[in-house]
Amino acid sequence: MPWLSPAAKTESRLHMLFLLCWLSSFRDSHFCNWASLAAIPAQESDARASKSGTMERLADLHIHTTASDGAMTPTQIVRMAADAGLAAIGITDHDTVDGVDEAVAAGQDLGVIVVPGVEISAIYGHNIEVHMLGYFFDHNAPALRSQLDTLRNARTIRGKKMVERLNEAGVAISFERVTEIAQGGAIGRPHVARALLEMGVVSTIDAAFGKYLQEGGPGYVPRYKISPSDAVTLIVQAGGVACCAHVAKLNRDELLIDLMRQGMRAIEVRHPDHGSAGTRYYERFAAKHDLIPTGGSDAHCIQGGKTTTVGGVTVSYGIVERLKAASTCSV
């Protein structure tokens, strides 16, 4: 600073020294621990860098749309996947494949591979819910379509009974509003829960389930019963790959062994409801039994519900390739 006078230079140096001391004090204070900040790992992004430096292609293989109990249309879901940089997604609506064709068409336009999928609701033992995912099957196979139609009709009947029981319990909810919320999709408890939330009966979707819609609640109605093994058979006969959903949450290894004998080739290892210990356990289980370890966000995109979004849980695109190779579907 040659243009400054000696006095000004001295004053400037004092200001600089004061600033450095202040910064040192601020750094060591509880307001900002720089060492701790530096130690915090960056949040894992949807597109991870591989060892070679290229971006890894990722897939979210468990997503719901308005064809069942999701809040977004198949096209909107595909657009969200494209925005998230996903290479592929699985459309796995409950007991219906009505959203598959729209999603596939949107995927072709937006550069996202859409895996035809479904999540079939089944009952094991004493009313234990088991969800069987299916991938890469002929979604127009007559036997599969017939059974899904039966399940869809059973969902409608169940929805009406839930509303009737809630009315009897003093909750003035209408089935007409539930069907409006479903937007033509297969009716499920989330639609009833959203109606309860909309009316102000509850403050969250989870509260609707906890107070009214879970087993023992005033609005609970048992499901139409199809066994997990029958669900596996339906998927396999349609040329698809059967996969047991959220296995760590289910925690029924004896069932998985039995379903493997029926033709199940995959289990869902990565899921938002799985803890790290459960994920690691079933990764080893899949490797031991030569099962394909799938995963996905189980995104419904419902305001006031679970916060997991499209791409929130992913697997390597290599899993998609393994599922495709295991499929016997030529469509």
Protein backbone atom coordinates (compact mmCIF):
# COMPACT_ATOMS: atom_id res chain seq x y z
CA MET A 1 0.00 0.00 0.00
CA PRO A 2 2.66 2.57 -1.12
CA TRP A 3 0.08 5.34 -1.47
CA LEU A 4 -0.75 5.33 2.25
CA SER A 5 0.99 7.53 4.79
CA PRO A 6 2.99 5.82 7.58
CA ALA A 7 0.19 6.58 10.06
CA ALA A 8 -2.44 5.17 7.72
CA LYS A 9 -0.35 2.05 7.14
CA THR A 10 -0.11 1.50 10.88
CA GLU A 11 -3.86 1.96 11.31
CA SER A 12 -4.54 -0.47 8.44
CA ARG A 13 -2.27 -3.10 9.99
CA LEU A 14 -4.05 -2.71 13.32
CA HIS A 15 -7.44 -3.18 11.63
CA MET A 16 -6.15 -6.31 9.89
CA LEU A 17 -4.75 -7.72 13.13
CA PHE A 18 -8.06 -7.04 14.90
CA LEU A 19 -9.98 -8.79 12.11
CA LEU A 20 -7.73 -11.87 12.25
CA CYS A 21 -8.12 -12.11 16.02
CA TRP A 22 -11.90 -11.78 15.74
CA LEU A 23 -12.08 -14.49 13.08
CA SER A 24 -9.97 -16.82 15.21
CA SER A 25 -12.28 -16.26 18.18
CA PHE A 26 -15.39 -16.78 16.03
CA ARG A 27 -13.97 -19.98 14.58
CA ASP A 28 -13.42 -21.47 18.04
CA SER A 29 -16.81 -20.39 19.37
CA HIS A 30 -19.93 -22.53 19.50
CA PHE A 31 -21.41 -20.53 16.63
CA CYS A 32 -19.16 -22.04 13.98
CA ASN A 33 -16.82 -24.97 14.49
CA TRP A 34 -14.96 -24.96 11.20
CA ALA A 35 -13.21 -28.26 11.89
CA SER A 36 -16.58 -29.96 12.45
CA LEU A 37 -18.02 -28.43 9.29
CA ALA A 38 -15.08 -29.71 7.29
CA ALA A 39 -15.59 -33.20 8.70
CA ILE A 40 -19.26 -33.42 7.63
CA PRO A 41 -19.48 -35.48 4.42
CA ALA A 42 -21.32 -34.00 1.50
CA GLN A 43 -24.86 -35.34 1.09
CA GLU A 44 -24.92 -38.28 -1.27
CA SER A 45 -26.29 -37.15 -4.62
CA ASP A 46 -28.48 -39.15 -6.95
CA ALA A 47 -25.67 -39.38 -9.47
CA ARG A 48 -22.56 -40.73 -7.72
CA ALA A 49 -19.09 -40.56 -9.20
CA SER A 50 -17.58 -43.97 -9.87
CA LYS A 51 -13.93 -44.86 -9.29
CA SER A 52 -13.20 -44.07 -12.94
CA GLY A 53 -14.57 -40.57 -12.48
CA THR A 54 -17.69 -41.13 -14.60
CA MET A 55 -21.17 -40.64 -13.17
CA GLU A 56 -22.89 -43.85 -12.07
CA ARG A 57 -26.29 -44.55 -13.62
CA LEU A 58 -28.94 -45.03 -10.96
CA ALA A 59 -32.47 -46.42 -10.74
CA ASP A 60 -35.40 -46.05 -8.35
CA LEU A 61 -37.39 -49.27 -8.66
CA HIS A 62 -40.32 -48.62 -6.31
CA ILE A 63 -42.61 -45.71 -7.19
CA HIS A 64 -46.39 -45.17 -7.04
CA THR A 65 -48.58 -42.99 -9.25
CA THR A 66 -52.20 -41.86 -9.44
CA ALA A 67 -52.96 -45.27 -10.95
CA SER A 68 -53.01 -46.44 -7.32
CA ASP A 69 -52.35 -44.34 -4.22
CA GLY A 70 -49.68 -41.92 -5.45
CA ALA A 71 -50.34 -38.20 -5.82
CA MET A 72 -48.54 -37.68 -9.17
CA THR A 73 -49.48 -38.95 -12.63
CA PRO A 74 -47.16 -41.39 -14.39
CA THR A 75 -45.95 -38.59 -16.68
CA GLN A 76 -45.23 -36.32 -13.71
CA ILE A 77 -43.29 -39.11 -12.02
CA VAL A 78 -41.15 -39.69 -15.11
CA ARG A 79 -40.47 -35.96 -15.35
CA MET A 80 -39.37 -35.94 -11.70
CA ALA A 81 -37.07 -38.87 -12.43
CA ALA A 82 -35.56 -37.05 -15.40
CA ASP A 83 -35.01 -33.95 -13.27
CA ALA A 84 -33.30 -36.12 -10.64
CA GLY A 85 -30.96 -37.52 -13.27
CA LEU A 86 -32.16 -41.12 -12.92
CA ALA A 87 -31.44 -43.59 -15.69
CA ALA A 88 -34.44 -45.81 -14.90
CA ILE A 89 -37.48 -46.14 -12.66
CA GLY A 90 -39.92 -48.89 -11.79
CA ILE A 91 -43.63 -48.04 -11.81
CA THR A 92 -45.00 -50.33 -9.10
CA ASP A 93 -48.58 -49.34 -8.36
CA HIS A 94 -50.66 -51.35 -5.93
CA ASP A 95 -52.59 -54.15 -7.64
CA THR A 96 -52.73 -52.39 -11.02
CA VAL A 97 -50.65 -51.82 -14.14
CA ASP A 98 -52.85 -49.02 -15.47
CA GLY A 99 -50.05 -46.45 -15.21
CA VAL A 100 -47.41 -48.44 -17.08
CA ASP A 101 -48.20 -47.49 -20.68
CA GLU A 102 -48.34 -43.75 -19.94
CA ALA A 103 -45.08 -43.94 -18.00
CA VAL A 104 -43.30 -45.88 -20.75
CA ALA A 105 -44.39 -43.32 -23.36
CA ALA A 106 -43.23 -40.44 -21.14
CA GLY A 107 -39.95 -42.21 -20.54
CA GLN A 108 -39.31 -42.47 -24.27
CA ASP A 109 -39.86 -38.72 -24.61
CA LEU A 110 -37.77 -37.76 -21.58
CA GLY A 111 -34.94 -40.27 -21.84
CA VAL A 112 -35.83 -42.35 -18.76
CA ILE A 113 -36.10 -46.14 -18.96
CA VAL A 114 -39.38 -47.25 -17.38
CA VAL A 115 -39.49 -50.79 -16.01
CA PRO A 116 -43.02 -52.26 -16.11
CA GLY A 117 -43.87 -53.15 -12.53
CA VAL A 118 -46.57 -53.87 -9.99
CA GLU A 119 -46.90 -54.29 -6.22
CA ILE A 120 -49.34 -57.08 -5.39
CA SER A 121 -50.89 -57.06 -1.92
CA ALA A 122 -50.86 -60.48 -0.25
CA ILE A 123 -51.56 -61.99 3.17
CA TYR A 124 -49.26 -64.43 4.97
CA GLY A 125 -50.16 -66.44 8.06
CA HIS A 126 -52.34 -64.58 10.53
CA ASN A 127 -53.10 -61.40 8.60
CA ILE A 128 -49.46 -60.41 7.95
CA GLU A 129 -49.31 -58.07 4.96
CA VAL A 130 -46.75 -59.03 2.32
CA HIS A 131 -46.16 -56.97 -0.80
CA MET A 132 -44.78 -58.73 -3.86
CA LEU A 133 -43.14 -56.59 -6.51
CA GLY A 134 -43.02 -57.73 -10.12
CA TYR A 135 -40.70 -56.45 -12.85
CA PHE A 136 -40.30 -56.89 -16.61
CA PHE A 137 -43.47 -58.94 -17.18
CA ASP A 138 -46.13 -58.87 -19.88
CA HIS A 139 -48.51 -56.41 -18.21
CA ASN A 140 -51.28 -57.44 -20.62
CA ALA A 141 -51.09 -61.16 -19.76
CA PRO A 142 -54.74 -62.34 -19.36
CA ALA A 143 -54.26 -64.27 -16.10
CA LEU A 144 -52.42 -61.38 -14.48
CA ARG A 145 -54.96 -58.82 -15.68
CA SER A 146 -57.85 -60.95 -14.41
CA GLN A 147 -56.36 -61.30 -10.93
CA LEU A 148 -55.46 -57.60 -10.77
CA ASP A 149 -59.05 -56.72 -11.75
CA THR A 150 -60.27 -58.89 -8.88
CA LEU A 151 -57.90 -57.17 -6.48
CA ARG A 152 -58.92 -53.74 -7.75
CA ASN A 153 -62.62 -54.51 -7.27
CA ALA A 154 -61.84 -55.82 -3.79
CA ARG A 155 -60.08 -52.52 -3.03
CA THR A 156 -63.21 -50.58 -4.01
CA ILE A 157 -65.41 -52.75 -1.79
CA ARG A 158 -62.91 -52.40 1.05
CA GLY A 159 -62.84 -48.62 0.63
CA LYS A 160 -66.63 -48.42 0.91
CA LYS A 161 -66.59 -50.53 4.06
CA MET A 162 -63.89 -48.34 5.61
CA VAL A 163 -66.00 -45.24 4.99
CA GLU A 164 -69.08 -46.96 6.43
CA ARG A 165 -67.21 -47.91 9.60
CA LEU A 166 -65.82 -44.40 9.99
CA ASN A 167 -69.34 -43.00 9.59
CA GLU A 168 -70.55 -45.38 12.30
CA ALA A 169 -67.73 -44.09 14.51
CA GLY A 170 -68.95 -40.51 14.03
CA VAL A 171 -66.53 -39.42 11.31
CA ALA A 172 -68.55 -37.77 8.52
CA ILE A 173 -66.48 -38.81 5.51
CA SER A 174 -67.96 -39.60 2.08
CA PHE A 175 -66.92 -42.35 -0.30
CA GLU A 176 -67.53 -39.95 -3.20
CA ARG A 177 -64.73 -37.71 -1.92
CA VAL A 178 -62.43 -40.70 -1.51
CA THR A 179 -62.99 -41.70 -5.15
CA GLU A 180 -62.34 -38.11 -6.26
CA ILE A 181 -59.03 -38.14 -4.42
CA ALA A 182 -58.18 -41.50 -6.03
CA GLN A 183 -58.60 -39.89 -9.50
CA GLY A 184 -59.63 -43.20 -11.02
CA GLY A 185 -56.79 -45.11 -9.38
CA ALA A 186 -57.06 -48.31 -7.36
CA ILE A 187 -58.54 -47.21 -4.03
CA GLY A 188 -56.45 -47.72 -0.92
CA ARG A 189 -56.15 -46.57 2.67
CA PRO A 190 -53.98 -43.56 1.69
CA HIS A 191 -56.95 -42.10 -0.20
CA VAL A 192 -59.13 -42.40 2.90
CA ALA A 193 -56.31 -40.93 4.97
CA ARG A 194 -56.04 -37.95 2.63
CA ALA A 195 -59.79 -37.37 2.94
CA LEU A 196 -59.45 -37.37 6.74
CA LEU A 197 -56.56 -34.93 6.50
CA GLU A 198 -58.50 -32.69 4.12
CA MET A 199 -61.45 -32.58 6.54
CA GLY A 200 -59.20 -31.62 9.44
CA VAL A 201 -59.98 -34.81 11.34
CA VAL A 202 -56.22 -35.46 11.59
CA SER A 203 -53.15 -33.29 11.12
CA THR A 204 -51.01 -35.80 9.19
CA ILE A 205 -51.40 -38.89 7.01
CA ASP A 206 -49.53 -40.95 9.61
CA ALA A 207 -52.03 -39.81 12.26
CA ALA A 208 -54.91 -40.99 10.07
CA PHE A 209 -53.38 -44.45 9.87
CA GLY A 210 -52.44 -44.55 13.54
CA LYS A 211 -55.82 -43.44 14.89
CA TYR A 212 -58.31 -44.75 12.34
CA LEU A 213 -56.96 -47.04 9.62
CA GLN A 214 -54.49 -49.50 11.08
CA GLU A 215 -55.59 -52.90 12.38
CA GLY A 216 -57.78 -52.37 15.44
CA GLY A 217 -58.77 -48.86 14.37
CA PRO A 218 -62.43 -47.88 13.81
CA GLY A 219 -61.97 -47.66 10.04
CA TYR A 220 -59.87 -50.77 9.49
CA VAL A 221 -61.14 -53.45 7.10
CA PRO A 222 -59.11 -56.61 6.31
CA ARG A 223 -57.75 -57.07 2.80
CA TYR A 224 -58.94 -59.47 0.14
CA LYS A 225 -56.66 -62.47 0.61
CA ILE A 226 -54.19 -63.71 -1.98
CA SER A 227 -51.15 -65.64 -0.77
CA PRO A 228 -47.58 -64.45 -1.45
CA SER A 229 -46.86 -67.68 -3.32
CA ASP A 230 -49.86 -67.09 -5.60
CA ALA A 231 -48.60 -63.57 -6.26
CA VAL A 232 -45.18 -64.97 -7.20
CA THR A 233 -46.82 -67.46 -9.56
CA LEU A 234 -48.83 -64.71 -11.29
CA ILE A 235 -45.71 -62.62 -11.89
CA VAL A 236 -43.56 -65.53 -13.05
CA GLN A 237 -46.25 -66.89 -15.40
CA ALA A 238 -46.40 -63.43 -17.00
CA GLY A 239 -42.67 -63.69 -17.68
CA GLY A 240 -41.65 -61.36 -14.87
CA VAL A 241 -39.25 -61.34 -11.95
CA ALA A 242 -40.90 -61.65 -8.52
CA CYS A 243 -39.41 -59.62 -5.67
CA CYS A 244 -40.47 -59.39 -2.02
CA ALA A 245 -40.81 -55.75 -0.95
CA HIS A 246 -39.28 -54.08 2.15
CA VAL A 247 -37.96 -57.36 3.54
CA ALA A 248 -36.22 -55.85 6.59
CA LYS A 249 -39.54 -54.41 7.72
CA LEU A 250 -41.26 -57.76 7.05
CA ASN A 251 -38.53 -59.79 8.83
CA ARG A 252 -39.76 -63.20 7.72
CA ASP A 253 -36.77 -65.15 6.41
CA GLU A 254 -38.66 -68.45 6.43
CA LEU A 255 -41.18 -66.92 4.03
CA LEU A 256 -38.41 -65.72 1.72
CA ILE A 257 -36.93 -69.21 1.57
CA ASP A 258 -40.34 -70.64 0.70
CA LEU A 259 -40.96 -67.99 -1.98
CA MET A 260 -37.59 -68.77 -3.55
CA ARG A 261 -38.86 -72.31 -4.11
CA GLN A 262 -41.91 -70.79 -5.84
CA GLY A 263 -39.68 -68.86 -8.25
CA MET A 264 -38.92 -65.55 -6.51
CA ARG A 265 -35.63 -64.15 -7.85
CA ALA A 266 -35.19 -60.85 -5.98
CA ILE A 267 -35.69 -59.05 -2.68
CA GLU A 268 -35.95 -55.34 -1.98
CA VAL A 269 -32.84 -54.60 0.09
CA ARG A 270 -32.80 -50.78 -0.06
CA HIS A 271 -35.94 -49.03 1.23
CA PRO A 272 -36.57 -45.88 3.31
CA ASP A 273 -38.00 -47.98 6.17
CA HIS A 274 -34.84 -50.13 6.40
CA GLY A 275 -32.15 -49.22 8.87
CA SER A 276 -28.49 -49.65 7.99
CA ALA A 277 -28.28 -52.93 9.92
CA GLY A 278 -31.31 -54.37 8.12
CA THR A 279 -29.96 -53.28 4.76
CA ARG A 280 -26.59 -54.92 5.40
CA TYR A 281 -28.21 -58.12 6.67
CA TYR A 282 -30.38 -58.53 3.57
CA GLU A 283 -27.54 -57.60 1.24
CA ARG A 284 -25.72 -60.62 2.66
CA PHE A 285 -28.91 -62.69 2.51
CA ALA A 286 -29.35 -61.83 -1.18
CA ALA A 287 -25.73 -62.69 -1.97
CA LYS A 288 -25.96 -66.00 -0.08
CA HIS A 289 -29.11 -67.09 -1.91
CA ASP A 290 -28.27 -65.60 -5.32
CA LEU A 291 -31.15 -63.12 -5.19
CA ILE A 292 -31.13 -59.80 -7.04
CA PRO A 293 -30.92 -56.98 -4.42
CA THR A 294 -33.33 -54.29 -5.58
CA GLY A 295 -34.32 -51.02 -3.96
CA GLY A 296 -36.34 -47.85 -4.31
CA SER A 297 -37.92 -44.88 -2.62
CA ASP A 298 -41.50 -46.22 -2.36
CA ALA A 299 -42.40 -42.65 -3.27
CA HIS A 300 -46.06 -41.64 -3.18
CA CYS A 301 -45.42 -37.86 -3.28
CA ILE A 302 -48.33 -37.23 -0.89
CA GLN A 303 -48.31 -33.93 0.96
CA GLY A 304 -48.45 -34.62 4.68
CA GLY A 305 -47.27 -38.20 4.20
CA LYS A 306 -43.88 -39.83 3.91
CA THR A 307 -41.26 -37.38 2.70
CA THR A 308 -39.32 -39.81 0.51
CA THR A 309 -39.23 -38.46 -3.03
CA VAL A 310 -38.49 -39.97 -6.43
CA GLY A 311 -34.81 -40.87 -6.39
CA GLY A 312 -34.65 -40.72 -2.59
CA VAL A 313 -33.45 -44.34 -2.51
CA THR A 314 -31.65 -45.79 -5.51
CA VAL A 315 -29.70 -48.78 -6.78
CA SER A 316 -27.14 -49.15 -9.51
CA TYR A 317 -28.46 -49.45 -13.06
CA GLY A 318 -26.77 -52.83 -13.11
CA ILE A 319 -29.67 -54.12 -11.01
CA VAL A 320 -32.05 -53.18 -13.83
CA GLU A 321 -29.90 -55.16 -16.24
CA ARG A 322 -29.94 -58.18 -13.93
CA LEU A 323 -33.73 -58.03 -13.63
CA LYS A 324 -34.07 -57.79 -17.39
CA ALA A 325 -31.78 -60.78 -17.86
CA ALA A 326 -33.81 -62.83 -15.35
CA SER A 327 -37.11 -62.06 -17.09
CA THR A 328 -38.58 -64.53 -19.57
CA CYS A 329 -40.91 -61.93 -21.08
CA SER A 330 -40.40 -61.32 -24.80
CA VAL A 331 -42.71 -58.29 -24.99
